[in-house]
Amino acid sequence: MISFDRWLIQTVVYDNSYHIKDVLNLFIKEINFWVIRNSEIEHDYEKETFQEKFYEMIFNEYYNDTSNYMEPYDTEMYEYFSLKFSQDVSDLYLYFKELAKVYNLDLFRRKGCNSLVLHDFLFNHLLVEDPYYDSDNENESDEENNINYNIDER
């Protein structure tokens, strides 16, 4: 079995100057575009940390087939993320699958391979805006408390 570091620097079939890591960077670039387009999500990690975790996930889950199931940190938010973004994540996965095919990478080919691992990874590594948090109401209650406080000072 090939090590993670050696796998990342393997060249693609048609271009000796282009490595697997370069293709994975195209995946990350597409994730970044998706995050920018959606105001309800943002990165939870620095760029380099997210990148390294993404490389490891792709290597473990889609290349080596060694699953590392991640329990959602909040089941309600997980359900919300799934309902809101599952089609987007599925589209990302299909795009990654096509790119992997173009570069002749041995990814996303095993039986039963789907977007669920990518979905779980993104949920656990991105910040999702809480749909139940209403900042307008909180500000109103602060103002009311402030008014009450000022009235009580007399």
Protein backbone atom coordinates (compact mmCIF):
# COMPACT_ATOMS: atom_id res chain seq x y z
CA MET A 1 0.00 0.00 0.00
CA ILE A 2 1.24 3.47 -0.89
CA SER A 3 1.73 6.06 1.86
CA PHE A 4 -0.37 9.20 2.01
CA ASP A 5 2.56 11.53 1.24
CA ARG A 6 3.71 9.49 -1.75
CA TRP A 7 0.17 9.26 -3.07
CA LEU A 8 -0.25 13.05 -3.04
CA ILE A 9 2.83 13.61 -5.19
CA GLN A 10 2.09 10.90 -7.73
CA THR A 11 1.82 12.36 -11.21
CA VAL A 12 -1.27 12.02 -13.35
CA VAL A 13 -1.07 9.78 -16.41
CA TYR A 14 -0.97 12.42 -19.13
CA ASP A 15 1.19 15.12 -17.52
CA ASN A 16 4.33 14.40 -15.52
CA SER A 17 4.29 17.91 -14.04
CA TYR A 18 0.75 17.57 -12.63
CA HIS A 19 0.22 15.66 -9.39
CA ILE A 20 -2.76 14.16 -7.57
CA LYS A 21 -2.44 17.01 -5.09
CA ASP A 22 -3.03 19.48 -7.96
CA VAL A 23 -6.27 17.73 -8.90
CA LEU A 24 -7.39 17.73 -5.27
CA ASN A 25 -6.68 21.47 -5.20
CA LEU A 26 -9.18 21.83 -8.05
CA PHE A 27 -11.72 20.06 -5.83
CA ILE A 28 -10.96 22.45 -2.97
CA LYS A 29 -11.22 25.44 -5.27
CA GLU A 30 -14.72 24.32 -6.24
CA ILE A 31 -15.66 23.89 -2.56
CA ASN A 32 -14.39 27.41 -1.89
CA PHE A 33 -16.54 28.81 -4.72
CA TRP A 34 -19.53 26.99 -3.28
CA VAL A 35 -18.87 28.38 0.21
CA ILE A 36 -18.52 31.92 -1.17
CA ARG A 37 -21.83 31.60 -3.04
CA ASN A 38 -23.69 30.50 0.11
CA SER A 39 -23.93 33.13 2.82
CA GLU A 40 -25.15 30.54 5.33
CA ILE A 41 -21.86 28.63 5.44
CA GLU A 42 -18.22 29.52 5.93
CA HIS A 43 -14.93 27.81 6.61
CA ASP A 44 -14.27 26.67 10.15
CA TYR A 45 -10.53 26.13 9.61
CA GLU A 46 -7.61 27.99 8.12
CA LYS A 47 -7.10 27.26 4.44
CA GLU A 48 -4.09 24.97 4.99
CA THR A 49 -5.79 22.97 7.75
CA PHE A 50 -8.94 22.45 5.69
CA GLN A 51 -6.81 21.45 2.71
CA GLU A 52 -4.84 18.87 4.70
CA LYS A 53 -7.98 17.38 6.26
CA PHE A 54 -9.61 17.21 2.82
CA TYR A 55 -6.59 15.42 1.31
CA GLU A 56 -6.64 12.89 4.14
CA MET A 57 -10.38 12.31 3.78
CA ILE A 58 -10.11 11.69 0.04
CA PHE A 59 -7.14 9.35 0.55
CA ASN A 60 -8.78 7.38 3.36
CA GLU A 61 -12.36 7.26 2.16
CA TYR A 62 -12.18 7.26 -1.62
CA TYR A 63 -8.75 5.83 -2.37
CA ASN A 64 -7.96 3.38 0.46
CA ASP A 65 -11.57 2.61 1.37
CA THR A 66 -10.80 2.96 5.09
CA SER A 67 -13.81 4.62 6.59
CA ASN A 68 -13.53 7.08 9.47
CA TYR A 69 -17.15 7.77 10.33
CA MET A 70 -17.65 11.19 11.89
CA GLU A 71 -20.58 11.58 14.26
CA PRO A 72 -22.44 14.86 13.62
CA TYR A 73 -21.85 17.34 16.42
CA ASP A 74 -25.50 18.48 16.30
CA THR A 75 -28.24 16.29 14.83
CA GLU A 76 -30.69 19.15 14.24
CA MET A 77 -28.07 21.19 12.38
CA TYR A 78 -27.05 18.05 10.46
CA GLU A 79 -30.65 17.56 9.32
CA TYR A 80 -30.87 21.22 8.36
CA PHE A 81 -27.58 21.05 6.43
CA SER A 82 -28.77 17.89 4.68
CA LEU A 83 -32.09 19.38 3.65
CA LYS A 84 -30.57 22.66 2.56
CA PHE A 85 -27.33 21.54 0.87
CA SER A 86 -27.54 17.85 -0.08
CA GLN A 87 -28.16 18.62 -3.76
CA ASP A 88 -25.19 21.03 -3.83
CA VAL A 89 -22.94 18.45 -2.18
CA SER A 90 -24.14 15.81 -4.60
CA ASP A 91 -23.34 18.14 -7.51
CA LEU A 92 -19.86 18.76 -6.07
CA TYR A 93 -19.33 15.03 -5.75
CA LEU A 94 -20.36 14.41 -9.36
CA TYR A 95 -18.02 17.18 -10.52
CA PHE A 96 -15.16 15.62 -8.51
CA LYS A 97 -15.98 12.23 -9.98
CA GLU A 98 -15.80 13.64 -13.52
CA LEU A 99 -12.50 15.41 -12.83
CA ALA A 100 -11.06 12.23 -11.37
CA LYS A 101 -12.09 10.40 -14.53
CA VAL A 102 -10.54 13.09 -16.76
CA TYR A 103 -7.23 12.82 -14.87
CA ASN A 104 -7.51 9.03 -14.71
CA LEU A 105 -7.39 8.90 -10.91
CA ASP A 106 -8.54 5.82 -9.10
CA LEU A 107 -11.14 7.64 -7.00
CA PHE A 108 -14.89 7.31 -6.57
CA ARG A 109 -15.00 3.97 -8.41
CA ARG A 110 -15.76 1.38 -5.78
CA LYS A 111 -19.22 -0.13 -5.56
CA GLY A 112 -21.56 1.90 -3.40
CA CYS A 113 -19.37 5.00 -3.55
CA ASN A 114 -21.50 8.13 -3.09
CA SER A 115 -21.50 11.70 -1.84
CA LEU A 116 -22.37 10.88 1.79
CA VAL A 117 -18.75 10.90 2.98
CA LEU A 118 -18.17 14.28 1.33
CA HIS A 119 -21.44 15.52 2.83
CA ASP A 120 -20.42 14.48 6.35
CA PHE A 121 -16.93 15.91 5.91
CA LEU A 122 -18.29 19.29 4.79
CA PHE A 123 -20.80 19.40 7.63
CA ASN A 124 -18.08 18.70 10.18
CA HIS A 125 -15.54 21.12 8.68
CA LEU A 126 -17.68 24.11 7.75
CA LEU A 127 -19.64 26.48 9.93
CA VAL A 128 -23.36 26.46 9.22
CA GLU A 129 -25.43 29.46 10.21
CA ASP A 130 -28.05 28.46 12.74
CA PRO A 131 -31.44 28.96 11.07
CA TYR A 132 -33.11 29.30 14.46
CA TYR A 133 -31.00 32.24 15.59
CA ASP A 134 -32.75 35.54 15.00
CA SER A 135 -30.37 38.41 15.65
CA ASP A 136 -33.14 41.00 15.15
CA ASN A 137 -35.16 39.65 18.06
CA GLU A 138 -32.12 39.51 20.30
CA ASN A 139 -31.30 43.16 19.61
CA GLU A 140 -34.88 44.15 20.41
CA SER A 141 -34.75 42.39 23.75
CA ASP A 142 -31.43 44.08 24.53
CA GLU A 143 -33.00 47.44 23.77
CA GLU A 144 -36.00 46.61 25.93
CA ASN A 145 -33.71 45.57 28.77
CA ASN A 146 -31.76 48.76 28.33
CA ILE A 147 -34.95 50.84 28.44
CA ASN A 148 -36.09 49.05 31.59
CA TYR A 149 -32.71 49.53 33.13
CA ASN A 150 -32.72 53.24 32.38
CA ILE A 151 -36.24 53.64 33.75
CA ASP A 152 -35.24 51.89 36.98
CA GLU A 153 -32.31 54.25 37.50
CA ARG A 154 -34.54 57.20 38.37
